[in-house]
PDB file of N, CA and C in Angstrom:
ATOM      1  N   MET A   1      96.674  72.308  86.874  1.00  0.00           N
ATOM      2  CA  MET A   1      96.205  73.624  87.420  1.00  0.00           C
ATOM      3  C   MET A   1      96.066  74.608  86.270  1.00  0.00           C
ATOM      4  N   ASP A   2      94.864  75.338  86.177  1.00  0.00           N
ATOM      5  CA  ASP A   2      94.753  76.264  85.102  1.00  0.00           C
ATOM      6  C   ASP A   2      95.561  77.581  85.379  1.00  0.00           C
ATOM      7  N   GLN A   3      95.472  78.351  84.509  1.00  0.00           N
ATOM      8  CA  GLN A   3      96.326  79.679  84.393  1.00  0.00           C
ATOM      9  C   GLN A   3      95.754  80.526  85.654  1.00  0.00           C
ATOM     10  N   ARG A   4      94.339  80.538  85.788  1.00  0.00           N
ATOM     11  CA  ARG A   4      93.727  81.307  86.882  1.00  0.00           C
ATOM     12  C   ARG A   4      94.128  80.921  88.221  1.00  0.00           C
ATOM     13  N   GLN A   5      94.153  79.497  88.435  1.00  0.00           N
ATOM     14  CA  GLN A   5      94.623  78.931  89.774  1.00  0.00           C
ATOM     15  C   GLN A   5      95.990  79.164  89.981  1.00  0.00           C
ATOM     16  N   GLU A   6      96.863  79.130  89.032  1.00  0.00           N
ATOM     17  CA  GLU A   6      98.313  79.466  89.113  1.00  0.00           C
ATOM     18  C   GLU A   6      98.426  80.926  89.610  1.00  0.00           C
ATOM     19  N   LEU A   7      97.828  81.817  88.919  1.00  0.00           N
ATOM     20  CA  LEU A   7      97.866  83.247  89.220  1.00  0.00           C
ATOM     21  C   LEU A   7      97.379  83.479  90.638  1.00  0.00           C
ATOM     22  N   GLY A   8      96.311  82.906  91.064  1.00  0.00           N
ATOM     23  CA  GLY A   8      95.932  82.998  92.464  1.00  0.00           C
ATOM     24  C   GLY A   8      96.952  82.403  93.407  1.00  0.00           C
ATOM     25  N   LYS A   9      97.615  81.313  93.123  1.00  0.00           N
ATOM     26  CA  LYS A   9      98.636  80.784  94.129  1.00  0.00           C
ATOM     27  C   LYS A   9      99.750  81.713  94.194  1.00  0.00           C
ATOM     28  N   GLU A  10     100.187  82.279  93.011  1.00  0.00           N
ATOM     29  CA  GLU A  10     101.337  83.116  92.950  1.00  0.00           C
ATOM     30  C   GLU A  10     100.888  84.502  93.685  1.00  0.00           C
ATOM     31  N   GLY A  11      99.706  84.929  93.617  1.00  0.00           N
ATOM     32  CA  GLY A  11      99.284  86.122  94.404  1.00  0.00           C
ATOM     33  C   GLY A  11      99.306  85.909  95.863  1.00  0.00           C
ATOM     34  N   GLU A  12      98.803  84.730  96.162  1.00  0.00           N
ATOM     35  CA  GLU A  12      98.804  84.344  97.690  1.00  0.00           C
ATOM     36  C   GLU A  12     100.170  84.307  98.209  1.00  0.00           C
ATOM     37  N   ALA A  13     101.177  83.632  97.474  1.00  0.00           N
ATOM     38  CA  ALA A  13     102.421  83.764  97.913  1.00  0.00           C
ATOM     39  C   ALA A  13     103.128  85.007  98.147  1.00  0.00           C
ATOM     40  N   LEU A  14     102.869  85.882  97.229  1.00  0.00           N
ATOM     41  CA  LEU A  14     103.310  87.242  97.414  1.00  0.00           C
ATOM     42  C   LEU A  14     102.720  87.917  98.578  1.00  0.00           C
ATOM     43  N   ALA A  15     101.452  87.677  98.748  1.00  0.00           N
ATOM     44  CA  ALA A  15     100.668  88.216  99.958  1.00  0.00           C
ATOM     45  C   ALA A  15     101.374  87.750 101.153  1.00  0.00           C
ATOM     46  N   CYS A  16     101.575  86.477 101.311  1.00  0.00           N
ATOM     47  CA  CYS A  16     102.178  85.876 102.535  1.00  0.00           C
ATOM     48  C   CYS A  16     103.544  86.498 102.842  1.00  0.00           C
ATOM     49  N   ASN A  17     104.359  86.650 101.820  1.00  0.00           N
ATOM     50  CA  ASN A  17     105.743  87.161 102.002  1.00  0.00           C
ATOM     51  C   ASN A  17     105.589  88.609 102.440  1.00  0.00           C
ATOM     52  N   TYR A  18     104.667  89.395 101.829  1.00  0.00           N
ATOM     53  CA  TYR A  18     104.328  90.802 102.344  1.00  0.00           C
ATOM     54  C   TYR A  18     103.937  90.892 103.761  1.00  0.00           C
ATOM     55  N   LEU A  19     103.079  90.089 104.122  1.00  0.00           N
ATOM     56  CA  LEU A  19     102.577  89.956 105.620  1.00  0.00           C
ATOM     57  C   LEU A  19     103.858  89.554 106.575  1.00  0.00           C
ATOM     58  N   ILE A  20     104.498  88.606 106.188  1.00  0.00           N
ATOM     59  CA  ILE A  20     105.647  88.128 107.074  1.00  0.00           C
ATOM     60  C   ILE A  20     106.696  89.247 107.200  1.00  0.00           C
ATOM     61  N   ARG A  21     106.996  89.934 106.093  1.00  0.00           N
ATOM     62  CA  ARG A  21     107.904  91.102 106.062  1.00  0.00           C
ATOM     63  C   ARG A  21     107.304  92.227 106.977  1.00  0.00           C
ATOM     64  N   ASN A  22     106.094  92.377 107.200  1.00  0.00           N
ATOM     65  CA  ASN A  22     105.516  93.396 107.928  1.00  0.00           C
ATOM     66  C   ASN A  22     105.030  92.871 109.275  1.00  0.00           C
ATOM     67  N   GLY A  23     105.574  91.803 109.818  1.00  0.00           N
ATOM     68  CA  GLY A  23     105.455  91.451 111.206  1.00  0.00           C
ATOM     69  C   GLY A  23     104.240  90.539 111.544  1.00  0.00           C
ATOM     70  N   TYR A  24     103.605  90.031 110.579  1.00  0.00           N
ATOM     71  CA  TYR A  24     102.515  89.111 110.769  1.00  0.00           C
ATOM     72  C   TYR A  24     103.042  87.668 110.754  1.00  0.00           C
ATOM     73  N   SER A  25     102.394  86.786 111.544  1.00  0.00           N
ATOM     74  CA  SER A  25     102.735  85.440 111.433  1.00  0.00           C
ATOM     75  C   SER A  25     101.493  84.716 110.645  1.00  0.00           C
ATOM     76  N   ILE A  26     101.887  83.798 109.833  1.00  0.00           N
ATOM     77  CA  ILE A  26     100.847  83.107 109.077  1.00  0.00           C
ATOM     78  C   ILE A  26     100.407  81.849 109.742  1.00  0.00           C
ATOM     79  N   ARG A  27      99.080  81.775 110.146  1.00  0.00           N
ATOM     80  CA  ARG A  27      98.569  80.664 110.804  1.00  0.00           C
ATOM     81  C   ARG A  27      98.217  79.603 109.862  1.00  0.00           C
ATOM     82  N   HIS A  28      97.482  79.815 108.752  1.00  0.00           N
ATOM     83  CA  HIS A  28      96.944  78.940 107.675  1.00  0.00           C
ATOM     84  C   HIS A  28      96.824  79.679 106.418  1.00  0.00           C
ATOM     85  N   THR A  29      96.942  78.803 105.271  1.00  0.00           N
ATOM     86  CA  THR A  29      96.556  79.310 103.983  1.00  0.00           C
ATOM     87  C   THR A  29      95.572  78.463 103.476  1.00  0.00           C
ATOM     88  N   ASN A  30      94.630  78.879 102.684  1.00  0.00           N
ATOM     89  CA  ASN A  30      93.557  78.033 102.106  1.00  0.00           C
ATOM     90  C   ASN A  30      92.857  77.131 103.119  1.00  0.00           C
ATOM     91  N   TRP A  31      92.468  77.680 104.170  1.00  0.00           N
ATOM     92  CA  TRP A  31      91.735  76.963 105.173  1.00  0.00           C
ATOM     93  C   TRP A  31      90.158  76.905 104.731  1.00  0.00           C
ATOM     94  N   HIS A  32      89.814  75.647 104.768  1.00  0.00           N
ATOM     95  CA  HIS A  32      88.422  75.383 104.301  1.00  0.00           C
ATOM     96  C   HIS A  32      87.438  75.093 105.446  1.00  0.00           C
ATOM     97  N   PHE A  33      86.221  75.649 105.240  1.00  0.00           N
ATOM     98  CA  PHE A  33      85.089  75.358 106.129  1.00  0.00           C
ATOM     99  C   PHE A  33      83.913  74.950 105.110  1.00  0.00           C
ATOM    100  N   GLY A  34      83.665  73.740 104.855  1.00  0.00           N
ATOM    101  CA  GLY A  34      82.781  73.307 103.823  1.00  0.00           C
ATOM    102  C   GLY A  34      83.351  73.840 102.416  1.00  0.00           C
ATOM    103  N   HIS A  35      82.498  74.452 101.710  1.00  0.00           N
ATOM    104  CA  HIS A  35      82.933  74.986 100.441  1.00  0.00           C
ATOM    105  C   HIS A  35      83.406  76.415 100.500  1.00  0.00           C
ATOM    106  N   LYS A  36      83.577  77.048 101.712  1.00  0.00           N
ATOM    107  CA  LYS A  36      83.990  78.225 101.961  1.00  0.00           C
ATOM    108  C   LYS A  36      85.596  78.262 102.245  1.00  0.00           C
ATOM    109  N   GLU A  37      86.391  79.230 101.823  1.00  0.00           N
ATOM    110  CA  GLU A  37      87.787  79.077 102.019  1.00  0.00           C
ATOM    111  C   GLU A  37      88.202  80.561 102.505  1.00  0.00           C
ATOM    112  N   LEU A  38      89.210  80.381 103.426  1.00  0.00           N
ATOM    113  CA  LEU A  38      89.985  81.665 103.818  1.00  0.00           C
ATOM    114  C   LEU A  38      91.291  81.586 103.196  1.00  0.00           C
ATOM    115  N   ASP A  39      91.713  82.619 102.292  1.00  0.00           N
ATOM    116  CA  ASP A  39      92.918  82.543 101.593  1.00  0.00           C
ATOM    117  C   ASP A  39      94.071  82.457 102.632  1.00  0.00           C
ATOM    118  N   ILE A  40      94.130  83.507 103.603  1.00  0.00           N
ATOM    119  CA  ILE A  40      95.268  83.639 104.463  1.00  0.00           C
ATOM    120  C   ILE A  40      94.604  83.946 105.884  1.00  0.00           C
ATOM    121  N   VAL A  41      95.048  83.313 106.835  1.00  0.00           N
ATOM    122  CA  VAL A  41      94.678  83.583 108.303  1.00  0.00           C
ATOM    123  C   VAL A  41      96.127  83.840 108.931  1.00  0.00           C
ATOM    124  N   ALA A  42      96.187  85.082 109.381  1.00  0.00           N
ATOM    125  CA  ALA A  42      97.455  85.480 110.067  1.00  0.00           C
ATOM    126  C   ALA A  42      97.254  86.068 111.327  1.00  0.00           C
ATOM    127  N   GLN A  43      98.178  86.308 112.107  1.00  0.00           N
ATOM    128  CA  GLN A  43      98.185  86.967 113.400  1.00  0.00           C
ATOM    129  C   GLN A  43      99.178  87.992 113.557  1.00  0.00           C
ATOM    130  N   LYS A  44      98.773  89.152 114.185  1.00  0.00           N
ATOM    131  CA  LYS A  44      99.751  90.095 114.542  1.00  0.00           C
ATOM    132  C   LYS A  44      99.318  90.671 116.003  1.00  0.00           C
ATOM    133  N   ASP A  45     100.160  90.545 116.926  1.00  0.00           N
ATOM    134  CA  ASP A  45      99.852  90.900 118.315  1.00  0.00           C
ATOM    135  C   ASP A  45      98.593  90.086 118.688  1.00  0.00           C
ATOM    136  N   ASP A  46      97.550  90.652 119.249  1.00  0.00           N
ATOM    137  CA  ASP A  46      96.351  89.929 119.751  1.00  0.00           C
ATOM    138  C   ASP A  46      95.246  90.122 118.633  1.00  0.00           C
ATOM    139  N   MET A  47      95.583  90.131 117.405  1.00  0.00           N
ATOM    140  CA  MET A  47      94.535  90.295 116.360  1.00  0.00           C
ATOM    141  C   MET A  47      94.672  89.159 115.388  1.00  0.00           C
ATOM    142  N   LEU A  48      93.548  88.585 115.114  1.00  0.00           N
ATOM    143  CA  LEU A  48      93.512  87.609 114.033  1.00  0.00           C
ATOM    144  C   LEU A  48      93.113  88.324 112.690  1.00  0.00           C
ATOM    145  N   ILE A  49      93.966  88.251 111.626  1.00  0.00           N
ATOM    146  CA  ILE A  49      93.781  88.767 110.418  1.00  0.00           C
ATOM    147  C   ILE A  49      93.365  87.881 109.319  1.00  0.00           C
ATOM    148  N   VAL A  50      92.169  87.974 108.857  1.00  0.00           N
ATOM    149  CA  VAL A  50      91.690  87.182 107.734  1.00  0.00           C
ATOM    150  C   VAL A  50      91.763  87.989 106.519  1.00  0.00           C
ATOM    151  N   CYS A  51      92.718  87.426 105.657  1.00  0.00           N
ATOM    152  CA  CYS A  51      92.985  88.143 104.305  1.00  0.00           C
ATOM    153  C   CYS A  51      92.486  87.468 103.107  1.00  0.00           C
ATOM    154  N   GLU A  52      91.661  88.305 102.429  1.00  0.00           N
ATOM    155  CA  GLU A  52      91.133  87.835 101.001  1.00  0.00           C
ATOM    156  C   GLU A  52      92.108  88.275 100.038  1.00  0.00           C
ATOM    157  N   VAL A  53      92.719  87.376  99.181  1.00  0.00           N
ATOM    158  CA  VAL A  53      93.604  87.930  98.205  1.00  0.00           C
ATOM    159  C   VAL A  53      92.970  87.814  96.775  1.00  0.00           C
ATOM    160  N   LYS A  54      93.188  88.840  96.093  1.00  0.00           N
ATOM    161  CA  LYS A  54      92.488  89.040  94.721  1.00  0.00           C
ATOM    162  C   LYS A  54      93.734  89.379  93.860  1.00  0.00           C
ATOM    163  N   THR A  55      93.881  88.560  92.787  1.00  0.00           N
ATOM    164  CA  THR A  55      95.040  88.844  91.910  1.00  0.00           C
ATOM    165  C   THR A  55      94.457  88.953  90.503  1.00  0.00           C
ATOM    166  N   ARG A  56      95.047  89.866  89.711  1.00  0.00           N
ATOM    167  CA  ARG A  56      94.595  90.079  88.369  1.00  0.00           C
ATOM    168  C   ARG A  56      95.839  90.396  87.423  1.00  0.00           C
ATOM    169  N   PHE A  57      95.796  90.085  86.092  1.00  0.00           N
ATOM    170  CA  PHE A  57      96.716  90.538  85.159  1.00  0.00           C
ATOM    171  C   PHE A  57      96.101  91.865  84.709  1.00  0.00           C
ATOM    172  N   GLY A  58      96.705  93.016  84.941  1.00  0.00           N
ATOM    173  CA  GLY A  58      96.352  94.356  84.586  1.00  0.00           C
ATOM    174  C   GLY A  58      94.961  94.692  85.235  1.00  0.00           C
ATOM    175  N   ASP A  59      94.423  95.893  85.107  1.00  0.00           N
ATOM    176  CA  ASP A  59      93.237  96.288  85.652  1.00  0.00           C
ATOM    177  C   ASP A  59      92.218  96.838  84.777  1.00  0.00           C
ATOM    178  N   HIS A  60      92.059  96.073  83.609  1.00  0.00           N
ATOM    179  CA  HIS A  60      91.310  96.449  82.503  1.00  0.00           C
ATOM    180  C   HIS A  60      89.813  96.315  82.833  1.00  0.00           C
ATOM    181  N   TRP A  61      89.473  95.367  83.564  1.00  0.00           N
ATOM    182  CA  TRP A  61      87.971  95.053  83.830  1.00  0.00           C
ATOM    183  C   TRP A  61      87.526  95.646  85.122  1.00  0.00           C
ATOM    184  N   GLU A  62      88.127  95.152  86.231  1.00  0.00           N
ATOM    185  CA  GLU A  62      87.686  95.678  87.523  1.00  0.00           C
ATOM    186  C   GLU A  62      88.883  95.582  88.467  1.00  0.00           C
ATOM    187  N   ASP A  63      88.893  96.422  89.402  1.00  0.00           N
ATOM    188  CA  ASP A  63      89.854  96.479  90.479  1.00  0.00           C
ATOM    189  C   ASP A  63      89.784  95.199  91.177  1.00  0.00           C
ATOM    190  N   PRO A  64      90.865  94.399  91.500  1.00  0.00           N
ATOM    191  CA  PRO A  64      90.700  93.185  92.160  1.00  0.00           C
ATOM    192  C   PRO A  64      89.900  93.135  93.487  1.00  0.00           C
ATOM    193  N   LYS A  65      90.111  94.347  94.209  1.00  0.00           N
ATOM    194  CA  LYS A  65      89.368  94.410  95.598  1.00  0.00           C
ATOM    195  C   LYS A  65      87.781  94.476  95.361  1.00  0.00           C
ATOM    196  N   ASP A  66      87.443  95.154  94.235  1.00  0.00           N
ATOM    197  CA  ASP A  66      86.052  95.145  93.897  1.00  0.00           C
ATOM    198  C   ASP A  66      85.268  93.825  93.686  1.00  0.00           C
ATOM    199  N   ALA A  67      86.052  92.754  93.521  1.00  0.00           N
ATOM    200  CA  ALA A  67      85.561  91.421  93.338  1.00  0.00           C
ATOM    201  C   ALA A  67      85.076  90.761  94.778  1.00  0.00           C
ATOM    202  N   VAL A  68      85.450  91.412  95.853  1.00  0.00           N
ATOM    203  CA  VAL A  68      85.090  90.993  97.160  1.00  0.00           C
ATOM    204  C   VAL A  68      83.631  91.415  97.481  1.00  0.00           C
ATOM    205  N   THR A  69      82.617  90.825  96.832  1.00  0.00           N
ATOM    206  CA  THR A  69      81.225  91.261  97.019  1.00  0.00           C
ATOM    207  C   THR A  69      80.659  90.973  98.358  1.00  0.00           C
ATOM    208  N   ARG A  70      79.498  91.467  98.616  1.00  0.00           N
ATOM    209  CA  ARG A  70      78.758  91.238  99.922  1.00  0.00           C
ATOM    210  C   ARG A  70      78.649  89.764 100.196  1.00  0.00           C
ATOM    211  N   ARG A  71      78.222  88.975  99.153  1.00  0.00           N
ATOM    212  CA  ARG A  71      78.137  87.514  99.308  1.00  0.00           C
ATOM    213  C   ARG A  71      79.419  86.887  99.669  1.00  0.00           C
ATOM    214  N   LYS A  72      80.635  87.262  99.071  1.00  0.00           N
ATOM    215  CA  LYS A  72      81.855  86.745  99.290  1.00  0.00           C
ATOM    216  C   LYS A  72      82.277  87.129 100.790  1.00  0.00           C
ATOM    217  N   GLN A  73      81.965  88.398 101.204  1.00  0.00           N
ATOM    218  CA  GLN A  73      82.192  88.849 102.549  1.00  0.00           C
ATOM    219  C   GLN A  73      81.498  88.015 103.581  1.00  0.00           C
ATOM    220  N   ARG A  74      80.169  87.766 103.314  1.00  0.00           N
ATOM    221  CA  ARG A  74      79.420  86.859 104.230  1.00  0.00           C
ATOM    222  C   ARG A  74      80.082  85.519 104.423  1.00  0.00           C
ATOM    223  N   ASN A  75      80.519  84.912 103.282  1.00  0.00           N
ATOM    224  CA  ASN A  75      81.100  83.700 103.288  1.00  0.00           C
ATOM    225  C   ASN A  75      82.436  83.698 104.067  1.00  0.00           C
ATOM    226  N   ILE A  76      83.276  84.686 103.883  1.00  0.00           N
ATOM    227  CA  ILE A  76      84.429  84.799 104.690  1.00  0.00           C
ATOM    228  C   ILE A  76      84.141  85.012 106.143  1.00  0.00           C
ATOM    229  N   VAL A  77      83.146  85.753 106.485  1.00  0.00           N
ATOM    230  CA  VAL A  77      82.898  86.028 107.929  1.00  0.00           C
ATOM    231  C   VAL A  77      82.402  84.642 108.530  1.00  0.00           C
ATOM    232  N   GLU A  78      81.617  83.967 107.844  1.00  0.00           N
ATOM    233  CA  GLU A  78      81.049  82.662 108.333  1.00  0.00           C
ATOM    234  C   GLU A  78      82.249  81.691 108.507  1.00  0.00           C
ATOM    235  N   ALA A  79      83.247  81.532 107.533  1.00  0.00           N
ATOM    236  CA  ALA A  79      84.401  80.782 107.640  1.00  0.00           C
ATOM    237  C   ALA A  79      85.214  81.149 108.668  1.00  0.00           C
ATOM    238  N   ALA A  80      85.411  82.427 109.011  1.00  0.00           N
ATOM    239  CA  ALA A  80      86.200  82.991 110.047  1.00  0.00           C
ATOM    240  C   ALA A  80      85.770  82.788 111.422  1.00  0.00           C
ATOM    241  N   ASP A  81      84.312  82.672 111.451  1.00  0.00           N
ATOM    242  CA  ASP A  81      83.658  82.366 112.725  1.00  0.00           C
ATOM    243  C   ASP A  81      83.896  80.846 113.013  1.00  0.00           C
ATOM    244  N   ALA A  82      83.935  79.980 112.072  1.00  0.00           N
ATOM    245  CA  ALA A  82      84.119  78.653 112.340  1.00  0.00           C
ATOM    246  C   ALA A  82      85.577  78.363 112.669  1.00  0.00           C
ATOM    247  N   TYR A  83      86.397  79.174 112.049  1.00  0.00           N
ATOM    248  CA  TYR A  83      87.943  79.012 112.367  1.00  0.00           C
ATOM    249  C   TYR A  83      88.080  79.419 113.845  1.00  0.00           C
ATOM    250  N   VAL A  84      87.597  80.487 114.273  1.00  0.00           N
ATOM    251  CA  VAL A  84      87.753  80.873 115.692  1.00  0.00           C
ATOM    252  C   VAL A  84      87.217  79.890 116.590  1.00  0.00           C
ATOM    253  N   ARG A  85      86.113  79.299 116.302  1.00  0.00           N
ATOM    254  CA  ARG A  85      85.486  78.207 117.212  1.00  0.00           C
ATOM    255  C   ARG A  85      86.381  76.941 117.128  1.00  0.00           C
ATOM    256  N   GLU A  86      86.740  76.576 115.949  1.00  0.00           N
ATOM    257  CA  GLU A  86      87.611  75.418 115.828  1.00  0.00           C
ATOM    258  C   GLU A  86      88.850  75.374 116.579  1.00  0.00           C
ATOM    259  N   PHE A  87      89.618  76.556 116.669  1.00  0.00           N
ATOM    260  CA  PHE A  87      90.738  76.607 117.255  1.00  0.00           C
ATOM    261  C   PHE A  87      90.623  77.261 118.672  1.00  0.00           C
ATOM    262  N   ASP A  88      89.371  77.518 119.099  1.00  0.00           N
ATOM    263  CA  ASP A  88      89.156  78.118 120.478  1.00  0.00           C
ATOM    264  C   ASP A  88      89.852  79.349 120.597  1.00  0.00           C
ATOM    265  N   LEU A  89      89.888  80.282 119.749  1.00  0.00           N
ATOM    266  CA  LEU A  89      90.576  81.601 119.907  1.00  0.00           C
ATOM    267  C   LEU A  89      89.858  82.642 120.624  1.00  0.00           C
ATOM    268  N   ASN A  90      90.514  83.382 121.301  1.00  0.00           N
ATOM    269  CA  ASN A  90      89.945  84.648 122.054  1.00  0.00           C
ATOM    270  C   ASN A  90      90.621  85.732 121.467  1.00  0.00           C
ATOM    271  N   LEU A  91      90.516  86.142 120.189  1.00  0.00           N
ATOM    272  CA  LEU A  91      91.177  87.109 119.491  1.00  0.00           C
ATOM    273  C   LEU A  91      90.178  88.046 118.768  1.00  0.00           C
ATOM    274  N   GLU A  92      90.345  89.256 118.633  1.00  0.00           N
ATOM    275  CA  GLU A  92      89.532  90.138 117.803  1.00  0.00           C
ATOM    276  C   GLU A  92      89.943  89.812 116.429  1.00  0.00           C
ATOM    277  N   VAL A  93      88.948  89.833 115.462  1.00  0.00           N
ATOM    278  CA  VAL A  93      89.196  89.445 114.191  1.00  0.00           C
ATOM    279  C   VAL A  93      89.105  90.713 113.250  1.00  0.00           C
ATOM    280  N   GLN A  94      89.957  90.760 112.296  1.00  0.00           N
ATOM    281  CA  GLN A  94      90.067  91.932 111.290  1.00  0.00           C
ATOM    282  C   GLN A  94      89.977  91.341 109.892  1.00  0.00           C
ATOM    283  N   PHE A  95      89.227  91.874 108.999  1.00  0.00           N
ATOM    284  CA  PHE A  95      89.085  91.513 107.588  1.00  0.00           C
ATOM    285  C   PHE A  95      89.784  92.396 106.687  1.00  0.00           C
ATOM    286  N   ASP A  96      90.824  91.918 106.101  1.00  0.00           N
ATOM    287  CA  ASP A  96      91.720  92.660 105.158  1.00  0.00           C
ATOM    288  C   ASP A  96      91.444  92.117 103.710  1.00  0.00           C
ATOM    289  N   VAL A  97      91.829  92.967 102.656  1.00  0.00           N
ATOM    290  CA  VAL A  97      91.905  92.464 101.404  1.00  0.00           C
ATOM    291  C   VAL A  97      93.301  92.887 100.854  1.00  0.00           C
ATOM    292  N   ILE A  98      93.889  91.905 100.148  1.00  0.00           N
ATOM    293  CA  ILE A  98      95.182  92.195  99.606  1.00  0.00           C
ATOM    294  C   ILE A  98      94.824  92.069  98.119  1.00  0.00           C
ATOM    295  N   SER A  99      95.126  93.191  97.321  1.00  0.00           N
ATOM    296  CA  SER A  99      94.995  93.259  95.918  1.00  0.00           C
ATOM    297  C   SER A  99      96.245  93.232  95.256  1.00  0.00           C
ATOM    298  N   ILE A 100      96.500  92.352  94.259  1.00  0.00           N
ATOM    299  CA  ILE A 100      97.649  92.269  93.529  1.00  0.00           C
ATOM    300  C   ILE A 100      97.295  92.283  92.023  1.00  0.00           C
ATOM    301  N   ILE A 101      98.004  93.208  91.302  1.00  0.00           N
ATOM    302  CA  ILE A 101      97.795  93.460  89.944  1.00  0.00           C
ATOM    303  C   ILE A 101      99.139  93.177  89.222  1.00  0.00           C
ATOM    304  N   PHE A 102      99.314  92.238  88.344  1.00  0.00           N
ATOM    305  CA  PHE A 102     100.478  91.908  87.585  1.00  0.00           C
ATOM    306  C   PHE A 102     100.439  92.811  86.377  1.00  0.00           C
ATOM    307  N   ARG A 103     101.595  93.379  86.121  1.00  0.00           N
ATOM    308  CA  ARG A 103     101.866  94.290  84.886  1.00  0.00           C
ATOM    309  C   ARG A 103     103.131  93.763  84.265  1.00  0.00           C
ATOM    310  N   GLY A 104     103.049  92.823  83.349  1.00  0.00           N
ATOM    311  CA  GLY A 104     104.224  92.276  82.758  1.00  0.00           C
ATOM    312  C   GLY A 104     105.026  91.419  83.745  1.00  0.00           C
ATOM    313  N   LYS A 105     106.344  91.843  84.111  1.00  0.00           N
ATOM    314  CA  LYS A 105     107.051  91.025  85.069  1.00  0.00           C
ATOM    315  C   LYS A 105     107.059  91.646  86.471  1.00  0.00           C
ATOM    316  N   SER A 106     106.361  92.791  86.641  1.00  0.00           N
ATOM    317  CA  SER A 106     106.341  93.500  87.844  1.00  0.00           C
ATOM    318  C   SER A 106     104.815  93.277  88.394  1.00  0.00           C
ATOM    319  N   HIS A 107     104.656  93.611  89.686  1.00  0.00           N
ATOM    320  CA  HIS A 107     103.411  93.637  90.205  1.00  0.00           C
ATOM    321  C   HIS A 107     103.121  94.819  91.159  1.00  0.00           C
ATOM    322  N   GLU A 108     101.971  95.080  91.473  1.00  0.00           N
ATOM    323  CA  GLU A 108     101.528  96.113  92.501  1.00  0.00           C
ATOM    324  C   GLU A 108     100.669  95.536  93.523  1.00  0.00           C
ATOM    325  N   LEU A 109     100.990  95.643  94.832  1.00  0.00           N
ATOM    326  CA  LEU A 109     100.319  95.122  95.925  1.00  0.00           C
ATOM    327  C   LEU A 109      99.718  96.146  96.684  1.00  0.00           C
ATOM    328  N   GLU A 110      98.430  95.971  96.948  1.00  0.00           N
ATOM    329  CA  GLU A 110      97.745  96.908  97.874  1.00  0.00           C
ATOM    330  C   GLU A 110      97.152  96.264  98.960  1.00  0.00           C
ATOM    331  N   HIS A 111      97.397  96.564 100.185  1.00  0.00           N
ATOM    332  CA  HIS A 111      96.870  95.935 101.508  1.00  0.00           C
ATOM    333  C   HIS A 111      95.886  96.872 101.994  1.00  0.00           C
ATOM    334  N   ILE A 112      94.623  96.464 102.135  1.00  0.00           N
ATOM    335  CA  ILE A 112      93.504  97.263 102.686  1.00  0.00           C
ATOM    336  C   ILE A 112      93.139  96.652 103.999  1.00  0.00           C
ATOM    337  N   PRO A 113      93.709  97.198 105.142  1.00  0.00           N
ATOM    338  CA  PRO A 113      93.294  96.712 106.535  1.00  0.00           C
ATOM    339  C   PRO A 113      91.816  97.171 106.661  1.00  0.00           C
ATOM    340  N   ASP A 114      91.146  96.195 107.439  1.00  0.00           N
ATOM    341  CA  ASP A 114      89.645  96.648 107.804  1.00  0.00           C
ATOM    342  C   ASP A 114      88.936  96.913 106.595  1.00  0.00           C
ATOM    343  N   ALA A 115      89.133  96.121 105.501  1.00  0.00           N
ATOM    344  CA  ALA A 115      88.396  96.266 104.336  1.00  0.00           C
ATOM    345  C   ALA A 115      86.853  96.182 104.358  1.00  0.00           C
ATOM    346  N   PHE A 116      86.531  95.364 105.219  1.00  0.00           N
ATOM    347  CA  PHE A 116      85.035  95.205 105.518  1.00  0.00           C
ATOM    348  C   PHE A 116      84.722  94.647 107.014  1.00  0.00           C
ATOM    349  N   PHE A 117      83.553  94.780 107.470  1.00  0.00           N
ATOM    350  CA  PHE A 117      83.272  94.459 108.751  1.00  0.00           C
ATOM    351  C   PHE A 117      82.153  93.457 108.707  1.00  0.00           C
ATOM    352  N   PRO A 118      82.019  92.481 109.750  1.00  0.00           N
ATOM    353  CA  PRO A 118      81.050  91.426 109.799  1.00  0.00           C
ATOM    354  C   PRO A 118      79.739  92.223 109.825  1.00  0.00           C
ATOM    355  N   THR A 119      78.691  91.907 109.110  1.00  0.00           N
ATOM    356  CA  THR A 119      77.288  92.337 109.276  1.00  0.00           C
ATOM    357  C   THR A 119      76.342  91.273 109.392  1.00  0.00           C
ATOM    358  N   LEU A 120      75.300  91.481 110.037  1.00  0.00           N
ATOM    359  CA  LEU A 120      74.205  90.498 110.160  1.00  0.00           C
ATOM    360  C   LEU A 120      73.379  90.339 108.984  1.00  0.00           C
TER     361      LEU A 120
END
């Protein structure tokens, strides 16, 4: 596993722990639909939460949440639609972004609920 993959896995673990501490239940991590992937699929009450996790060392180049481009959003929405169909869910879906920036041994986590909405 390369350093980038390792960083991503560490970020996703931190994001899962954060969500659990805040009352979410984790349904799946790294769920695949073809080449598309959902980082975290969680549930809170009657809401299905699809979280895209972006992790970086420092914020010298771009804010991690800015890496969730329109194309990436379309892929996430398409995979989320497949997820809902596969598990026959009747839940409202919310798309969140969790941004994690490592600074030395500490990190900063930002959770952005309703970060984007499905568009046609």
